[in-house]
Each structure stands twice: as structure tokens, then as C-alpha cells.
Amino acid sequence: MHCSLNLVTKGRLGHGVPAGRRPGRSGPARLVALAIVAPLIGGCGLLGGLRGSRLVAPQSMTVTSPDFRADVPLPVQYTCLGGGLSPPLYWSGLRQRPKSFAVVVDDAQAPITPYVYWIVFDISPSTTDIAQNRLPTGARVAKNSAGNAGYDAPCPHGESAHEYRFTVYALNAWLRLPDGAGLRTTWSAIARHVIGVGRLTVRAG
């Protein structure tokens, strides 16, 4: 499924968090977090949009998974209700060879704050897939919204379904950030180097 290249989107990042699953924010800390995040939402789900990138209209890519499609629910093994495994993804269709790839998983319909489950970066330009619950050789992982460097499995609950977005970014540089780099730092670095975008969106809950 191709990612829309519209630079202004109505989708919200985020996550419906069951009570006790993750620490919440309150008071001034919550207001600071919202003040930082609010202007960053837009542009194919990229925090910071594409305002910081050199290309206004990145190329479109196709992102697929052998285990799910846009018209079927996210399999339970990739959620907190199952094994919490990171899913396999494939990407193709980019016309020019990038310097690296990054993969981001987020929630398009969170009710409160943006929520990012997974950021993998510095993926080799010769790589075209991520295997189930494994990282490509040399790839690194940034902190997610839970503050952990890893895949934070979505935890769908409640009456409304959530849309989970699996987005692949082609970049014109290696980010060369350390494992466990901060969420905002990594997003900003991705935004500066995007040359291609592809997305698979799937519902769960």
C-alpha cells in the first residue's frame, strides 16, 4: 500500500493505553510533551513532517507483509494480547538507491497523545525486508514512546478499532545515532533525509 504524499494529514499518532500498562503523564510534564509533539505531526506520519527534509515530495514505495494486509486485522501475535512479536515487512518500488532505510510503527487513532511503538534505523540500502522478531544486520533501534529501545507491541482494546501504521522511509544518509537514541532526536534526523516513503496500515481492536 502506498503512503500518501500529502504533507498535511488528519491521522493522529498515539495509543490507547490500558490502566497500569504504562506510566502516564500529568501536570506540567504532560503539557510540555504535548507542546513538543503537536507541531511535529504531519507529512506521511513523520514527526516534523517533511519540513526539515531536502525533498518536498519524496518518492512512493510499496510496503507489504506476508502475514497481514490492509483489509484484515493485525494478527494477535503482533500485539500485547499474543506473543508481542515484531512483524515481518517487505518494501519495494523505490527508483533510486538510498543510503539507508528506517522503519516506524505508530498508532493513527490514539485518543490522547502520539504513540510510537518502534523505530528501526540505519538499515542497509541493500535490505528490502525485516524478518519476524529480528533486525537486519547492523540496524539500530531508537526509543519508542514507552521509553524503551525495542518493539512495544500494540495493545488494542475498547470498542473502537485502531489503525496501526507500518511506515518505511528511504533516506539519503546514515543517521549514525547510537542504539537507544531518543525518539525526538531520531525523528528529526529521519525528517532531514527522507527521499522515499511507503506505508502499510492495518486495523486492530
Protein backbone atom coordinates (compact mmCIF):
# COMPACT_ATOMS: atom_id res chain seq x y z
CA MET A 1 0.00 0.00 0.00
CA HIS A 2 1.40 3.39 -0.96
CA CYS A 3 1.83 6.15 1.56
CA SER A 4 0.00 9.37 0.76
CA LEU A 5 2.39 12.20 -0.03
CA ASN A 6 0.02 14.87 1.25
CA LEU A 7 2.07 16.91 3.67
CA VAL A 8 -0.86 17.60 5.98
CA THR A 9 -2.68 14.58 7.40
CA LYS A 10 -5.59 14.22 9.78
CA GLY A 11 -4.28 11.00 11.33
CA ARG A 12 -3.04 11.16 14.90
CA LEU A 13 -0.23 9.15 16.33
CA GLY A 14 -0.94 7.51 19.63
CA HIS A 15 -2.03 4.54 21.64
CA GLY A 16 -4.98 3.56 23.79
CA VAL A 17 -3.19 2.56 26.99
CA PRO A 18 -4.84 0.16 29.44
CA ALA A 19 -4.72 1.22 33.06
CA GLY A 20 -1.46 0.19 34.63
CA ARG A 21 0.22 -0.80 31.36
CA ARG A 22 2.40 2.28 31.03
CA PRO A 23 3.12 5.27 33.22
CA GLY A 24 1.04 8.28 32.25
CA ARG A 25 1.98 11.92 32.10
CA SER A 26 0.36 14.57 34.24
CA GLY A 27 0.63 18.23 35.07
CA PRO A 28 3.45 20.34 33.57
CA ALA A 29 5.28 17.32 32.17
CA ARG A 30 2.24 16.35 30.11
CA LEU A 31 1.82 19.91 28.83
CA VAL A 32 5.48 20.06 27.81
CA ALA A 33 5.17 16.76 25.97
CA LEU A 34 2.08 17.91 24.10
CA ALA A 35 3.72 21.23 23.23
CA ILE A 36 6.67 19.39 21.70
CA VAL A 37 4.63 16.79 19.83
CA ALA A 38 1.72 18.84 18.49
CA PRO A 39 3.65 20.78 15.81
CA LEU A 40 5.53 17.65 14.78
CA ILE A 41 2.58 15.67 13.44
CA GLY A 42 2.12 15.54 9.66
CA GLY A 43 3.67 14.51 6.36
CA CYS A 44 3.08 10.75 5.95
CA GLY A 45 3.11 10.27 9.71
CA LEU A 46 6.61 11.66 10.02
CA LEU A 47 7.11 13.68 13.19
CA GLY A 48 8.32 17.03 11.96
CA GLY A 49 6.55 16.36 8.66
CA LEU A 50 8.90 16.88 5.73
CA ARG A 51 9.66 20.49 6.56
CA GLY A 52 13.18 19.57 7.59
CA SER A 53 13.88 17.35 4.62
CA ARG A 54 15.57 18.39 1.40
CA LEU A 55 12.84 16.92 -0.79
CA VAL A 56 9.28 18.22 -0.55
CA ALA A 57 7.75 15.30 -2.45
CA PRO A 58 9.54 12.02 -1.65
CA GLN A 59 9.19 9.01 -3.91
CA SER A 60 6.49 6.46 -3.19
CA MET A 61 7.30 2.89 -2.16
CA THR A 62 5.19 -0.23 -1.59
CA VAL A 63 5.19 -1.86 1.85
CA THR A 64 3.73 -5.35 2.40
CA SER A 65 3.78 -8.15 4.95
CA PRO A 66 3.40 -11.88 4.33
CA ASP A 67 1.25 -12.13 7.47
CA PHE A 68 -1.33 -9.36 7.07
CA ARG A 69 -2.86 -6.86 4.66
CA ALA A 70 -4.65 -3.53 4.94
CA ASP A 71 -8.06 -5.24 4.73
CA VAL A 72 -7.53 -7.75 7.55
CA PRO A 73 -6.91 -7.22 11.30
CA LEU A 74 -3.39 -7.18 12.71
CA PRO A 75 -2.64 -10.80 13.77
CA VAL A 76 -2.75 -11.25 17.52
CA GLN A 77 0.87 -12.45 17.73
CA TYR A 78 2.00 -8.92 16.89
CA THR A 79 0.01 -7.35 19.74
CA CYS A 80 0.29 -7.44 23.51
CA LEU A 81 -2.57 -9.95 23.52
CA GLY A 82 -0.33 -12.53 21.84
CA GLY A 83 3.41 -13.03 21.69
CA GLY A 84 4.23 -9.34 21.18
CA LEU A 85 6.46 -10.19 18.22
CA SER A 86 7.62 -7.57 15.74
CA PRO A 87 6.12 -8.38 12.32
CA PRO A 88 7.85 -9.19 9.03
CA LEU A 89 7.80 -6.38 6.46
CA TYR A 90 8.87 -6.05 2.83
CA TRP A 91 9.36 -2.92 0.74
CA SER A 92 9.95 -2.24 -2.94
CA GLY A 93 9.41 0.22 -5.78
CA LEU A 94 12.00 2.88 -4.98
CA ARG A 95 13.54 4.24 -8.17
CA GLN A 96 16.82 5.45 -6.69
CA ARG A 97 19.10 3.65 -4.26
CA PRO A 98 19.07 5.25 -0.80
CA LYS A 99 21.90 5.39 1.70
CA SER A 100 19.76 3.70 4.38
CA PHE A 101 16.20 2.83 5.44
CA ALA A 102 14.20 3.44 8.62
CA VAL A 103 11.03 1.71 9.81
CA VAL A 104 8.48 3.31 12.11
CA VAL A 105 5.33 1.81 13.66
CA ASP A 106 2.73 4.12 15.17
CA ASP A 107 -0.98 4.42 16.00
CA ALA A 108 -3.04 6.65 13.73
CA GLN A 109 -6.04 6.90 16.06
CA ALA A 110 -4.80 7.32 19.60
CA PRO A 111 -7.21 9.33 21.74
CA ILE A 112 -4.73 11.35 23.78
CA THR A 113 -1.07 11.62 22.81
CA PRO A 114 1.10 10.49 19.90
CA TYR A 115 2.36 6.97 20.40
CA VAL A 116 5.25 5.34 18.56
CA TYR A 117 5.81 1.60 19.02
CA TRP A 118 9.00 1.04 17.11
CA ILE A 119 11.76 2.92 15.28
CA VAL A 120 14.45 0.96 13.45
CA PHE A 121 17.11 2.94 11.57
CA ASP A 122 20.43 2.61 9.75
CA ILE A 123 19.06 -0.35 7.81
CA SER A 124 21.40 -1.21 4.92
CA PRO A 125 20.37 0.16 1.49
CA SER A 126 20.60 -3.39 0.10
CA THR A 127 17.99 -4.62 2.60
CA THR A 128 14.38 -4.92 1.44
CA ASP A 129 12.76 -6.66 4.40
CA ILE A 130 12.64 -7.21 8.14
CA ALA A 131 12.06 -10.75 9.40
CA GLN A 132 9.64 -11.60 12.19
CA ASN A 133 11.07 -10.62 15.57
CA ARG A 134 14.52 -9.98 14.09
CA LEU A 135 16.51 -6.97 12.98
CA PRO A 136 18.64 -6.71 9.83
CA THR A 137 22.36 -6.96 10.48
CA GLY A 138 23.73 -3.59 11.62
CA ALA A 139 20.32 -1.95 12.15
CA ARG A 140 19.72 0.09 15.29
CA VAL A 141 16.65 0.80 17.38
CA ALA A 142 15.61 4.15 18.88
CA LYS A 143 13.50 4.63 21.98
CA ASN A 144 9.75 4.38 21.50
CA SER A 145 7.03 6.28 23.32
CA ALA A 146 7.33 3.89 26.26
CA GLY A 147 10.96 4.93 26.58
CA ASN A 148 12.30 1.53 25.53
CA ALA A 149 14.57 0.66 22.60
CA GLY A 150 12.55 -2.15 21.08
CA TYR A 151 9.18 -3.16 19.67
CA ASP A 152 6.38 -2.14 22.05
CA ALA A 153 3.55 -4.37 20.82
CA PRO A 154 0.25 -2.53 20.22
CA CYS A 155 -2.38 -3.29 22.83
CA PRO A 156 -5.80 -2.78 21.16
CA HIS A 157 -8.75 -2.60 23.49
CA GLY A 158 -12.11 -0.90 23.81
CA GLU A 159 -14.94 -0.63 21.33
CA SER A 160 -13.18 1.33 18.57
CA ALA A 161 -10.55 -0.16 16.27
CA HIS A 162 -7.18 1.50 15.96
CA GLU A 163 -5.19 1.95 12.77
CA TYR A 164 -1.58 0.87 13.12
CA ARG A 165 0.83 2.26 10.54
CA PHE A 166 3.95 0.43 9.40
CA THR A 167 5.97 3.05 7.52
CA VAL A 168 9.29 2.62 5.71
CA TYR A 169 11.42 5.69 4.99
CA ALA A 170 14.22 5.71 2.41
CA LEU A 171 16.96 8.11 3.48
CA ASN A 172 19.82 9.83 1.68
CA ALA A 173 22.20 9.32 4.63
CA TRP A 174 23.10 7.02 7.51
CA LEU A 175 21.76 8.52 10.73
CA ARG A 176 24.70 7.15 12.73
CA LEU A 177 22.90 7.60 16.03
CA PRO A 178 23.53 5.12 18.85
CA ASP A 179 21.22 2.29 19.82
CA GLY A 180 18.63 3.70 22.18
CA ALA A 181 18.74 7.19 20.65
CA GLY A 182 15.92 9.47 21.77
CA LEU A 183 12.58 9.46 19.99
CA ARG A 184 12.55 13.13 19.04
CA THR A 185 16.23 13.12 18.03
CA THR A 186 15.72 10.16 15.74
CA TRP A 187 12.53 11.55 14.19
CA SER A 188 14.26 14.83 13.44
CA ALA A 189 17.17 13.03 11.80
CA ILE A 190 14.80 10.95 9.65
CA ALA A 191 12.92 14.09 8.57
CA ARG A 192 16.11 15.73 7.32
CA HIS A 193 16.97 12.86 4.99
CA VAL A 194 13.72 11.40 3.56
CA ILE A 195 13.74 10.61 -0.17
CA GLY A 196 11.07 7.91 -0.25
CA VAL A 197 8.08 6.76 1.82
CA GLY A 198 5.86 3.67 1.86
CA ARG A 199 3.19 2.52 4.31
CA LEU A 200 1.03 -0.44 5.25
CA THR A 201 -1.90 0.45 7.52
CA VAL A 202 -3.84 -2.23 9.38
CA ARG A 203 -6.66 -2.19 11.93
CA ALA A 204 -6.85 -3.97 15.27
CA GLY A 205 -9.14 -3.85 18.25
